[in-house]
PDB file of all heavy atoms in Angstrom:
ATOM      1  N   LEU A   1      36.890 -27.035  36.386  1.00  0.00           N
ATOM      2  CA  LEU A   1      38.291 -26.679  36.211  1.00  0.00           C
ATOM      3  C   LEU A   1      39.119 -27.859  35.716  1.00  0.00           C
ATOM      4  O   LEU A   1      39.956 -27.716  34.830  1.00  0.00           O
ATOM      5  CB  LEU A   1      38.881 -26.169  37.534  1.00  0.00           C
ATOM      6  CG  LEU A   1      38.501 -24.742  37.940  1.00  0.00           C
ATOM      7  CD1 LEU A   1      38.971 -24.467  39.362  1.00  0.00           C
ATOM      8  CD2 LEU A   1      39.092 -23.723  36.985  1.00  0.00           C
ATOM      9  N   GLU A   2      38.871 -29.031  36.280  1.00  0.00           N
ATOM     10  CA  GLU A   2      39.687 -30.192  35.930  1.00  0.00           C
ATOM     11  C   GLU A   2      39.317 -30.774  34.574  1.00  0.00           C
ATOM     12  O   GLU A   2      40.187 -31.277  33.850  1.00  0.00           O
ATOM     13  CB  GLU A   2      39.574 -31.261  37.019  1.00  0.00           C
ATOM     14  CG  GLU A   2      40.576 -32.373  36.869  1.00  0.00           C
ATOM     15  CD  GLU A   2      40.749 -33.208  38.126  1.00  0.00           C
ATOM     16  OE1 GLU A   2      39.943 -33.064  39.063  1.00  0.00           O
ATOM     17  OE2 GLU A   2      41.712 -33.999  38.168  1.00  0.00           O
ATOM     18  N   HIS A   3      38.038 -30.709  34.227  1.00  0.00           N
ATOM     19  CA  HIS A   3      37.574 -31.229  32.932  1.00  0.00           C
ATOM     20  C   HIS A   3      36.592 -30.217  32.341  1.00  0.00           C
ATOM     21  O   HIS A   3      35.391 -30.494  32.224  1.00  0.00           O
ATOM     22  CB  HIS A   3      36.911 -32.598  33.111  1.00  0.00           C
ATOM     23  CG  HIS A   3      37.827 -33.658  33.629  1.00  0.00           C
ATOM     24  ND1 HIS A   3      38.855 -34.190  32.874  1.00  0.00           N
ATOM     25  CD2 HIS A   3      37.898 -34.259  34.845  1.00  0.00           C
ATOM     26  CE1 HIS A   3      39.507 -35.092  33.598  1.00  0.00           C
ATOM     27  NE2 HIS A   3      38.953 -35.152  34.792  1.00  0.00           N
ATOM     28  N   SER A   4      37.105 -29.084  31.945  1.00  0.00           N
ATOM     29  CA  SER A   4      36.245 -27.971  31.531  1.00  0.00           C
ATOM     30  C   SER A   4      35.457 -28.291  30.261  1.00  0.00           C
ATOM     31  O   SER A   4      34.257 -28.002  30.188  1.00  0.00           O
ATOM     32  CB  SER A   4      37.069 -26.697  31.349  1.00  0.00           C
ATOM     33  OG  SER A   4      38.139 -26.914  30.441  1.00  0.00           O
ATOM     34  N   ASP A   5      36.097 -28.888  29.257  1.00  0.00           N
ATOM     35  CA  ASP A   5      35.387 -29.184  28.001  1.00  0.00           C
ATOM     36  C   ASP A   5      34.245 -30.169  28.238  1.00  0.00           C
ATOM     37  O   ASP A   5      33.119 -29.962  27.764  1.00  0.00           O
ATOM     38  CB  ASP A   5      36.351 -29.757  26.962  1.00  0.00           C
ATOM     39  CG  ASP A   5      37.303 -28.715  26.399  1.00  0.00           C
ATOM     40  OD1 ASP A   5      37.034 -27.509  26.574  1.00  0.00           O
ATOM     41  OD2 ASP A   5      38.318 -29.100  25.792  1.00  0.00           O
ATOM     42  N   ARG A   6      34.549 -31.222  28.975  1.00  0.00           N
ATOM     43  CA  ARG A   6      33.513 -32.231  29.245  1.00  0.00           C
ATOM     44  C   ARG A   6      32.374 -31.635  30.074  1.00  0.00           C
ATOM     45  O   ARG A   6      31.196 -31.903  29.801  1.00  0.00           O
ATOM     46  CB  ARG A   6      34.126 -33.423  29.996  1.00  0.00           C
ATOM     47  CG  ARG A   6      33.156 -34.594  30.151  1.00  0.00           C
ATOM     48  CD  ARG A   6      33.664 -35.597  31.178  1.00  0.00           C
ATOM     49  NE  ARG A   6      35.043 -35.990  30.939  1.00  0.00           N
ATOM     50  CZ  ARG A   6      35.774 -36.677  31.820  1.00  0.00           C
ATOM     51  NH1 ARG A   6      35.257 -37.030  32.991  1.00  0.00           N
ATOM     52  NH2 ARG A   6      37.018 -37.000  31.545  1.00  0.00           N
ATOM     53  N   THR A   7      32.725 -30.835  31.061  1.00  0.00           N
ATOM     54  CA  THR A   7      31.705 -30.220  31.908  1.00  0.00           C
ATOM     55  C   THR A   7      30.792 -29.334  31.086  1.00  0.00           C
ATOM     56  O   THR A   7      29.558 -29.413  31.197  1.00  0.00           O
ATOM     57  CB  THR A   7      32.359 -29.392  33.028  1.00  0.00           C
ATOM     58  OG1 THR A   7      33.175 -30.243  33.831  1.00  0.00           O
ATOM     59  CG2 THR A   7      31.302 -28.743  33.907  1.00  0.00           C
ATOM     60  N   ALA A   8      31.378 -28.475  30.258  1.00  0.00           N
ATOM     61  CA  ALA A   8      30.569 -27.570  29.435  1.00  0.00           C
ATOM     62  C   ALA A   8      29.659 -28.349  28.495  1.00  0.00           C
ATOM     63  O   ALA A   8      28.468 -28.027  28.347  1.00  0.00           O
ATOM     64  CB  ALA A   8      31.479 -26.631  28.644  1.00  0.00           C
ATOM     65  N   GLU A   9      30.199 -29.385  27.869  1.00  0.00           N
ATOM     66  CA  GLU A   9      29.401 -30.185  26.938  1.00  0.00           C
ATOM     67  C   GLU A   9      28.219 -30.850  27.640  1.00  0.00           C
ATOM     68  O   GLU A   9      27.088 -30.840  27.128  1.00  0.00           O
ATOM     69  CB  GLU A   9      30.281 -31.252  26.286  1.00  0.00           C
ATOM     70  CG  GLU A   9      31.286 -30.691  25.279  1.00  0.00           C
ATOM     71  CD  GLU A   9      32.332 -31.718  24.869  1.00  0.00           C
ATOM     72  OE1 GLU A   9      32.202 -32.893  25.294  1.00  0.00           O
ATOM     73  OE2 GLU A   9      33.276 -31.353  24.141  1.00  0.00           O
ATOM     74  N   ARG A  10      28.472 -31.410  28.825  1.00  0.00           N
ATOM     75  CA  ARG A  10      27.400 -32.104  29.537  1.00  0.00           C
ATOM     76  C   ARG A  10      26.343 -31.125  30.052  1.00  0.00           C
ATOM     77  O   ARG A  10      25.142 -31.429  30.045  1.00  0.00           O
ATOM     78  CB  ARG A  10      27.983 -32.923  30.703  1.00  0.00           C
ATOM     79  CG  ARG A  10      28.907 -34.045  30.278  1.00  0.00           C
ATOM     80  CD  ARG A  10      28.187 -35.109  29.443  1.00  0.00           C
ATOM     81  NE  ARG A  10      27.204 -35.837  30.220  1.00  0.00           N
ATOM     82  CZ  ARG A  10      25.901 -35.840  29.976  1.00  0.00           C
ATOM     83  NH1 ARG A  10      25.396 -35.144  28.960  1.00  0.00           N
ATOM     84  NH2 ARG A  10      25.077 -36.536  30.735  1.00  0.00           N
ATOM     85  N   LEU A  11      26.778 -29.940  30.500  1.00  0.00           N
ATOM     86  CA  LEU A  11      25.812 -28.945  30.960  1.00  0.00           C
ATOM     87  C   LEU A  11      24.945 -28.464  29.808  1.00  0.00           C
ATOM     88  O   LEU A  11      23.721 -28.318  29.956  1.00  0.00           O
ATOM     89  CB  LEU A  11      26.533 -27.757  31.609  1.00  0.00           C
ATOM     90  CG  LEU A  11      27.245 -28.018  32.938  1.00  0.00           C
ATOM     91  CD1 LEU A  11      27.798 -26.719  33.517  1.00  0.00           C
ATOM     92  CD2 LEU A  11      26.329 -28.682  33.949  1.00  0.00           C
ATOM     93  N   VAL A  12      25.551 -28.212  28.664  1.00  0.00           N
ATOM     94  CA  VAL A  12      24.781 -27.767  27.504  1.00  0.00           C
ATOM     95  C   VAL A  12      23.754 -28.817  27.106  1.00  0.00           C
ATOM     96  O   VAL A  12      22.589 -28.508  26.836  1.00  0.00           O
ATOM     97  CB  VAL A  12      25.720 -27.436  26.321  1.00  0.00           C
ATOM     98  CG1 VAL A  12      24.918 -27.241  25.027  1.00  0.00           C
ATOM     99  CG2 VAL A  12      26.543 -26.181  26.614  1.00  0.00           C
ATOM    100  N   GLU A  13      24.170 -30.077  27.065  1.00  0.00           N
ATOM    101  CA  GLU A  13      23.255 -31.164  26.710  1.00  0.00           C
ATOM    102  C   GLU A  13      22.093 -31.265  27.698  1.00  0.00           C
ATOM    103  O   GLU A  13      20.930 -31.359  27.301  1.00  0.00           O
ATOM    104  CB  GLU A  13      24.022 -32.494  26.675  1.00  0.00           C
ATOM    105  CG  GLU A  13      25.006 -32.622  25.522  1.00  0.00           C
ATOM    106  CD  GLU A  13      25.875 -33.867  25.666  1.00  0.00           C
ATOM    107  OE1 GLU A  13      25.637 -34.658  26.610  1.00  0.00           O
ATOM    108  OE2 GLU A  13      26.798 -34.044  24.839  1.00  0.00           O
ATOM    109  N   PHE A  14      22.425 -31.244  28.978  1.00  0.00           N
ATOM    110  CA  PHE A  14      21.385 -31.390  29.992  1.00  0.00           C
ATOM    111  C   PHE A  14      20.406 -30.226  29.962  1.00  0.00           C
ATOM    112  O   PHE A  14      19.184 -30.426  29.951  1.00  0.00           O
ATOM    113  CB  PHE A  14      22.009 -31.506  31.389  1.00  0.00           C
ATOM    114  CG  PHE A  14      21.001 -31.337  32.494  1.00  0.00           C
ATOM    115  CD1 PHE A  14      20.051 -32.313  32.744  1.00  0.00           C
ATOM    116  CD2 PHE A  14      20.984 -30.175  33.260  1.00  0.00           C
ATOM    117  CE1 PHE A  14      19.101 -32.146  33.750  1.00  0.00           C
ATOM    118  CE2 PHE A  14      20.044 -29.998  34.264  1.00  0.00           C
ATOM    119  CZ  PHE A  14      19.096 -30.986  34.508  1.00  0.00           C
ATOM    120  N   PHE A  15      20.932 -29.007  29.957  1.00  0.00           N
ATOM    121  CA  PHE A  15      20.049 -27.847  30.003  1.00  0.00           C
ATOM    122  C   PHE A  15      19.208 -27.735  28.736  1.00  0.00           C
ATOM    123  O   PHE A  15      18.050 -27.311  28.789  1.00  0.00           O
ATOM    124  CB  PHE A  15      20.856 -26.565  30.226  1.00  0.00           C
ATOM    125  CG  PHE A  15      21.317 -26.372  31.641  1.00  0.00           C
ATOM    126  CD1 PHE A  15      22.635 -26.008  31.919  1.00  0.00           C
ATOM    127  CD2 PHE A  15      20.441 -26.543  32.704  1.00  0.00           C
ATOM    128  CE1 PHE A  15      23.060 -25.822  33.221  1.00  0.00           C
ATOM    129  CE2 PHE A  15      20.860 -26.366  34.020  1.00  0.00           C
ATOM    130  CZ  PHE A  15      22.176 -26.004  34.273  1.00  0.00           C
ATOM    131  N   ALA A  16      19.766 -28.120  27.600  1.00  0.00           N
ATOM    132  CA  ALA A  16      18.989 -28.091  26.352  1.00  0.00           C
ATOM    133  C   ALA A  16      17.795 -29.040  26.459  1.00  0.00           C
ATOM    134  O   ALA A  16      16.669 -28.682  26.079  1.00  0.00           O
ATOM    135  CB  ALA A  16      19.876 -28.471  25.169  1.00  0.00           C
ATOM    136  N   ASP A  17      18.026 -30.237  26.963  1.00  0.00           N
ATOM    137  CA  ASP A  17      16.939 -31.203  27.148  1.00  0.00           C
ATOM    138  C   ASP A  17      15.909 -30.680  28.143  1.00  0.00           C
ATOM    139  O   ASP A  17      14.697 -30.823  27.941  1.00  0.00           O
ATOM    140  CB  ASP A  17      17.488 -32.544  27.642  1.00  0.00           C
ATOM    141  CG  ASP A  17      18.264 -33.284  26.563  1.00  0.00           C
ATOM    142  OD1 ASP A  17      18.100 -32.936  25.377  1.00  0.00           O
ATOM    143  OD2 ASP A  17      19.037 -34.202  26.909  1.00  0.00           O
ATOM    144  N   ALA A  18      16.401 -30.065  29.242  1.00  0.00           N
ATOM    145  CA  ALA A  18      15.502 -29.560  30.277  1.00  0.00           C
ATOM    146  C   ALA A  18      14.635 -28.429  29.746  1.00  0.00           C
ATOM    147  O   ALA A  18      13.423 -28.373  30.004  1.00  0.00           O
ATOM    148  CB  ALA A  18      16.312 -29.083  31.486  1.00  0.00           C
ATOM    149  N   VAL A  19      15.245 -27.519  28.969  1.00  0.00           N
ATOM    150  CA  VAL A  19      14.488 -26.399  28.399  1.00  0.00           C
ATOM    151  C   VAL A  19      13.459 -26.908  27.401  1.00  0.00           C
ATOM    152  O   VAL A  19      12.294 -26.472  27.401  1.00  0.00           O
ATOM    153  CB  VAL A  19      15.447 -25.388  27.728  1.00  0.00           C
ATOM    154  CG1 VAL A  19      14.654 -24.359  26.912  1.00  0.00           C
ATOM    155  CG2 VAL A  19      16.280 -24.674  28.788  1.00  0.00           C
ATOM    156  N   ASP A  20      13.836 -27.867  26.544  1.00  0.00           N
ATOM    157  CA  ASP A  20      12.911 -28.412  25.558  1.00  0.00           C
ATOM    158  C   ASP A  20      11.756 -29.125  26.260  1.00  0.00           C
ATOM    159  O   ASP A  20      10.588 -28.988  25.853  1.00  0.00           O
ATOM    160  CB  ASP A  20      13.635 -29.399  24.633  1.00  0.00           C
ATOM    161  CG  ASP A  20      14.570 -28.695  23.654  1.00  0.00           C
ATOM    162  OD1 ASP A  20      14.404 -27.471  23.477  1.00  0.00           O
ATOM    163  OD2 ASP A  20      15.429 -29.373  23.089  1.00  0.00           O
ATOM    164  N   SER A  21      12.049 -29.887  27.311  1.00  0.00           N
ATOM    165  CA  SER A  21      11.010 -30.595  28.053  1.00  0.00           C
ATOM    166  C   SER A  21      10.065 -29.603  28.715  1.00  0.00           C
ATOM    167  O   SER A  21       8.844 -29.807  28.744  1.00  0.00           O
ATOM    168  CB  SER A  21      11.643 -31.497  29.114  1.00  0.00           C
ATOM    169  OG  SER A  21      12.440 -32.495  28.518  1.00  0.00           O
ATOM    170  N   GLY A  22      10.633 -28.516  29.232  1.00  0.00           N
ATOM    171  CA  GLY A  22       9.812 -27.497  29.873  1.00  0.00           C
ATOM    172  C   GLY A  22       8.868 -26.833  28.876  1.00  0.00           C
ATOM    173  O   GLY A  22       7.688 -26.590  29.187  1.00  0.00           O
ATOM    174  N   ARG A  23       9.380 -26.546  27.676  1.00  0.00           N
ATOM    175  CA  ARG A  23       8.549 -25.941  26.648  1.00  0.00           C
ATOM    176  C   ARG A  23       7.432 -26.900  26.218  1.00  0.00           C
ATOM    177  O   ARG A  23       6.270 -26.479  25.991  1.00  0.00           O
ATOM    178  CB  ARG A  23       9.391 -25.556  25.451  1.00  0.00           C
ATOM    179  CG  ARG A  23      10.283 -24.333  25.690  1.00  0.00           C
ATOM    180  CD  ARG A  23      11.252 -24.130  24.557  1.00  0.00           C
ATOM    181  NE  ARG A  23      12.099 -22.966  24.776  1.00  0.00           N
ATOM    182  CZ  ARG A  23      13.237 -22.737  24.132  1.00  0.00           C
ATOM    183  NH1 ARG A  23      13.667 -23.604  23.215  1.00  0.00           N
ATOM    184  NH2 ARG A  23      13.947 -21.650  24.384  1.00  0.00           N
ATOM    185  N   SER A  24       7.759 -28.171  26.101  1.00  0.00           N
ATOM    186  CA  SER A  24       6.747 -29.174  25.706  1.00  0.00           C
ATOM    187  C   SER A  24       5.665 -29.288  26.751  1.00  0.00           C
ATOM    188  O   SER A  24       4.470 -29.355  26.434  1.00  0.00           O
ATOM    189  CB  SER A  24       7.422 -30.530  25.492  1.00  0.00           C
ATOM    190  OG  SER A  24       8.393 -30.485  24.453  1.00  0.00           O
ATOM    191  N   ALA A  25       6.081 -29.262  28.030  1.00  0.00           N
ATOM    192  CA  ALA A  25       5.109 -29.354  29.114  1.00  0.00           C
ATOM    193  C   ALA A  25       4.210 -28.138  29.132  1.00  0.00           C
ATOM    194  O   ALA A  25       2.991 -28.226  29.352  1.00  0.00           O
ATOM    195  CB  ALA A  25       5.841 -29.504  30.450  1.00  0.00           C
TER     196      ALA A  25
END
């Protein structure tokens, strides 16, 4: 709520990396 744009950007970045790592594994 306080930093919605930053939060969304960081979640997208993190989850994208996590999904890619999971697929590679």
